[in-house]
Amino acid sequence: MSFQAYLDTIKTKTGKGPEELLALADGKGFSHSGKLKPDVKAGQIIEWLRDEFGLGHGHSMAVYALLTGKKKPGEK
């Protein structure tokens, strides 16, 4: 599955696109201006997205990749 396919599925499941998820992460204190804070671990993001949106590990890791800047929307 491509990275964009993960993002598309996340949008279908949650109604939230990448920009909205980054803003929500800021609001939760996991990130600042859409960039993950250094002390935040992947497990925290996975737990948040599982509890709030019912996302699984793979989809949560896609959001984590956005927050770390390792991936951008539209990438494969």
N, C-alpha and C. Protein backbone atom coordinates (compact mmCIF):
# COMPACT_ATOMS: atom_id res chain seq x y z
N MET A 1 0.85 -1.17 0.00
CA MET A 1 0.00 0.00 0.00
C MET A 1 0.90 1.24 0.00
N SER A 2 0.57 2.20 -0.84
CA SER A 2 1.36 3.43 -0.90
C SER A 2 1.04 4.32 0.31
N PHE A 3 1.92 5.24 0.56
CA PHE A 3 1.72 6.16 1.67
C PHE A 3 0.43 6.95 1.47
N GLN A 4 0.20 7.41 0.23
CA GLN A 4 -1.01 8.16 -0.05
C GLN A 4 -2.26 7.31 0.18
N ALA A 5 -2.18 6.03 -0.12
CA ALA A 5 -3.32 5.14 0.12
C ALA A 5 -3.63 5.06 1.62
N TYR A 6 -2.59 5.03 2.44
CA TYR A 6 -2.80 5.07 3.89
C TYR A 6 -3.55 6.34 4.29
N LEU A 7 -3.10 7.48 3.76
CA LEU A 7 -3.73 8.76 4.09
C LEU A 7 -5.18 8.80 3.62
N ASP A 8 -5.43 8.25 2.43
CA ASP A 8 -6.80 8.22 1.91
C ASP A 8 -7.71 7.38 2.81
N THR A 9 -7.21 6.24 3.27
CA THR A 9 -7.99 5.37 4.15
C THR A 9 -8.23 6.05 5.49
N ILE A 10 -7.22 6.74 6.01
CA ILE A 10 -7.38 7.48 7.27
C ILE A 10 -8.47 8.53 7.12
N LYS A 11 -8.47 9.24 6.01
CA LYS A 11 -9.50 10.28 5.76
C LYS A 11 -10.89 9.63 5.71
N THR A 12 -10.99 8.48 5.05
CA THR A 12 -12.27 7.78 4.97
C THR A 12 -12.75 7.36 6.36
N LYS A 13 -11.84 6.82 7.17
CA LYS A 13 -12.21 6.32 8.50
C LYS A 13 -12.50 7.43 9.50
N THR A 14 -11.74 8.52 9.42
CA THR A 14 -11.83 9.55 10.45
C THR A 14 -12.49 10.84 10.00
N GLY A 15 -12.52 11.06 8.69
CA GLY A 15 -13.01 12.33 8.17
C GLY A 15 -11.97 13.43 8.27
N LYS A 16 -10.75 13.06 8.65
CA LYS A 16 -9.66 14.04 8.84
C LYS A 16 -8.56 13.83 7.81
N GLY A 17 -8.15 14.92 7.18
CA GLY A 17 -7.02 14.89 6.26
C GLY A 17 -5.73 15.15 7.00
N PRO A 18 -4.61 15.10 6.29
CA PRO A 18 -3.30 15.30 6.94
C PRO A 18 -3.18 16.60 7.73
N GLU A 19 -3.65 17.70 7.14
CA GLU A 19 -3.52 18.98 7.83
C GLU A 19 -4.32 19.00 9.13
N GLU A 20 -5.51 18.40 9.08
CA GLU A 20 -6.35 18.36 10.28
C GLU A 20 -5.72 17.49 11.36
N LEU A 21 -5.13 16.37 10.96
CA LEU A 21 -4.48 15.49 11.93
C LEU A 21 -3.27 16.17 12.58
N LEU A 22 -2.51 16.91 11.77
CA LEU A 22 -1.37 17.64 12.32
C LEU A 22 -1.84 18.69 13.32
N ALA A 23 -2.93 19.37 13.00
CA ALA A 23 -3.47 20.38 13.92
C ALA A 23 -3.97 19.72 15.20
N LEU A 24 -4.61 18.56 15.08
CA LEU A 24 -5.08 17.85 16.27
C LEU A 24 -3.90 17.41 17.15
N ALA A 25 -2.82 16.97 16.51
CA ALA A 25 -1.63 16.57 17.27
C ALA A 25 -1.05 17.76 18.02
N ASP A 26 -1.07 18.94 17.38
CA ASP A 26 -0.63 20.16 18.07
C ASP A 26 -1.50 20.41 19.30
N GLY A 27 -2.81 20.28 19.11
CA GLY A 27 -3.75 20.53 20.20
C GLY A 27 -3.59 19.55 21.35
N LYS A 28 -3.16 18.33 21.05
CA LYS A 28 -2.93 17.31 22.08
C LYS A 28 -1.58 17.48 22.76
N GLY A 29 -0.74 18.38 22.22
CA GLY A 29 0.57 18.61 22.81
C GLY A 29 1.66 17.67 22.31
N PHE A 30 1.36 16.89 21.28
CA PHE A 30 2.35 15.97 20.72
C PHE A 30 3.31 16.68 19.76
N SER A 31 2.87 17.79 19.22
CA SER A 31 3.67 18.49 18.22
C SER A 31 3.49 19.99 18.37
N HIS A 32 4.33 20.71 17.64
CA HIS A 32 4.23 22.17 17.59
C HIS A 32 4.37 22.57 16.13
N SER A 33 3.39 23.29 15.62
CA SER A 33 3.36 23.68 14.20
C SER A 33 3.48 22.47 13.28
N GLY A 34 2.86 21.36 13.68
CA GLY A 34 2.85 20.17 12.85
C GLY A 34 4.12 19.34 12.89
N LYS A 35 5.05 19.69 13.75
CA LYS A 35 6.31 18.94 13.89
C LYS A 35 6.35 18.27 15.26
N LEU A 36 6.61 16.97 15.25
CA LEU A 36 6.63 16.17 16.47
C LEU A 36 7.63 16.73 17.47
N LYS A 37 7.22 16.82 18.72
CA LYS A 37 8.14 17.25 19.77
C LYS A 37 9.13 16.13 20.04
N PRO A 38 10.38 16.48 20.38
CA PRO A 38 11.44 15.47 20.53
C PRO A 38 11.16 14.39 21.57
N ASP A 39 10.39 14.71 22.60
CA ASP A 39 10.16 13.74 23.67
C ASP A 39 8.95 12.84 23.42
N VAL A 40 8.26 13.02 22.30
CA VAL A 40 7.07 12.21 21.99
C VAL A 40 7.49 10.97 21.21
N LYS A 41 7.01 9.83 21.66
CA LYS A 41 7.35 8.54 21.06
C LYS A 41 6.21 8.06 20.16
N ALA A 42 6.56 7.18 19.24
CA ALA A 42 5.58 6.63 18.31
C ALA A 42 4.42 5.97 19.05
N GLY A 43 4.71 5.29 20.13
CA GLY A 43 3.68 4.61 20.90
C GLY A 43 2.59 5.55 21.40
N GLN A 44 2.96 6.78 21.72
CA GLN A 44 1.98 7.75 22.19
C GLN A 44 1.02 8.14 21.06
N ILE A 45 1.56 8.28 19.86
CA ILE A 45 0.74 8.62 18.70
C ILE A 45 -0.18 7.45 18.36
N ILE A 46 0.36 6.25 18.39
CA ILE A 46 -0.43 5.04 18.10
C ILE A 46 -1.59 4.92 19.09
N GLU A 47 -1.30 5.11 20.37
CA GLU A 47 -2.34 5.01 21.41
C GLU A 47 -3.42 6.06 21.21
N TRP A 48 -3.02 7.29 20.96
CA TRP A 48 -3.98 8.38 20.74
C TRP A 48 -4.90 8.07 19.57
N LEU A 49 -4.32 7.70 18.43
CA LEU A 49 -5.13 7.47 17.24
C LEU A 49 -6.00 6.22 17.37
N ARG A 50 -5.52 5.23 18.08
CA ARG A 50 -6.33 4.03 18.33
C ARG A 50 -7.53 4.38 19.21
N ASP A 51 -7.26 5.09 20.30
CA ASP A 51 -8.31 5.41 21.26
C ASP A 51 -9.33 6.41 20.71
N GLU A 52 -8.86 7.41 19.98
CA GLU A 52 -9.76 8.47 19.52
C GLU A 52 -10.44 8.14 18.19
N PHE A 53 -9.74 7.40 17.32
CA PHE A 53 -10.28 7.17 15.98
C PHE A 53 -10.38 5.71 15.58
N GLY A 54 -9.88 4.81 16.40
CA GLY A 54 -9.93 3.40 16.07
C GLY A 54 -8.96 2.98 14.98
N LEU A 55 -7.89 3.76 14.79
CA LEU A 55 -6.90 3.42 13.76
C LEU A 55 -5.96 2.34 14.25
N GLY A 56 -5.51 1.51 13.31
CA GLY A 56 -4.56 0.47 13.63
C GLY A 56 -3.13 0.98 13.60
N HIS A 57 -2.21 0.07 13.84
CA HIS A 57 -0.79 0.40 13.93
C HIS A 57 -0.26 1.04 12.64
N GLY A 58 -0.51 0.42 11.51
CA GLY A 58 0.02 0.91 10.24
C GLY A 58 -0.46 2.30 9.89
N HIS A 59 -1.75 2.53 10.06
CA HIS A 59 -2.29 3.84 9.75
C HIS A 59 -1.78 4.90 10.74
N SER A 60 -1.64 4.51 11.98
CA SER A 60 -1.10 5.44 12.98
C SER A 60 0.36 5.78 12.67
N MET A 61 1.10 4.81 12.21
CA MET A 61 2.50 5.07 11.84
C MET A 61 2.60 6.01 10.65
N ALA A 62 1.60 5.98 9.78
CA ALA A 62 1.58 6.93 8.67
C ALA A 62 1.45 8.36 9.20
N VAL A 63 0.60 8.55 10.20
CA VAL A 63 0.47 9.87 10.82
C VAL A 63 1.77 10.25 11.53
N TYR A 64 2.38 9.29 12.19
CA TYR A 64 3.66 9.54 12.85
C TYR A 64 4.71 9.98 11.82
N ALA A 65 4.71 9.34 10.66
CA ALA A 65 5.65 9.72 9.59
C ALA A 65 5.40 11.16 9.13
N LEU A 66 4.16 11.57 9.08
CA LEU A 66 3.84 12.96 8.75
C LEU A 66 4.42 13.90 9.80
N LEU A 67 4.19 13.55 11.07
CA LEU A 67 4.64 14.40 12.17
C LEU A 67 6.15 14.52 12.25
N THR A 68 6.85 13.45 11.90
CA THR A 68 8.31 13.49 11.94
C THR A 68 8.90 14.15 10.70
N GLY A 69 8.07 14.34 9.67
CA GLY A 69 8.55 14.93 8.43
C GLY A 69 9.20 13.94 7.49
N LYS A 70 9.15 12.65 7.84
CA LYS A 70 9.75 11.61 6.99
C LYS A 70 8.95 11.38 5.72
N LYS A 71 7.67 11.67 5.76
CA LYS A 71 6.79 11.51 4.61
C LYS A 71 5.91 12.74 4.48
N LYS A 72 5.46 12.95 3.23
CA LYS A 72 4.56 14.06 2.93
C LYS A 72 3.39 13.52 2.12
N PRO A 73 2.23 14.16 2.21
CA PRO A 73 1.10 13.70 1.41
C PRO A 73 1.48 13.63 -0.07
N GLY A 74 0.99 12.61 -0.75
CA GLY A 74 1.28 12.43 -2.16
C GLY A 74 2.46 11.52 -2.45
N GLU A 75 3.23 11.15 -1.41
CA GLU A 75 4.38 10.25 -1.60
C GLU A 75 3.92 8.81 -1.68
N LYS A 76 4.77 8.00 -2.30
CA LYS A 76 4.47 6.57 -2.40
C LYS A 76 5.14 5.83 -1.28
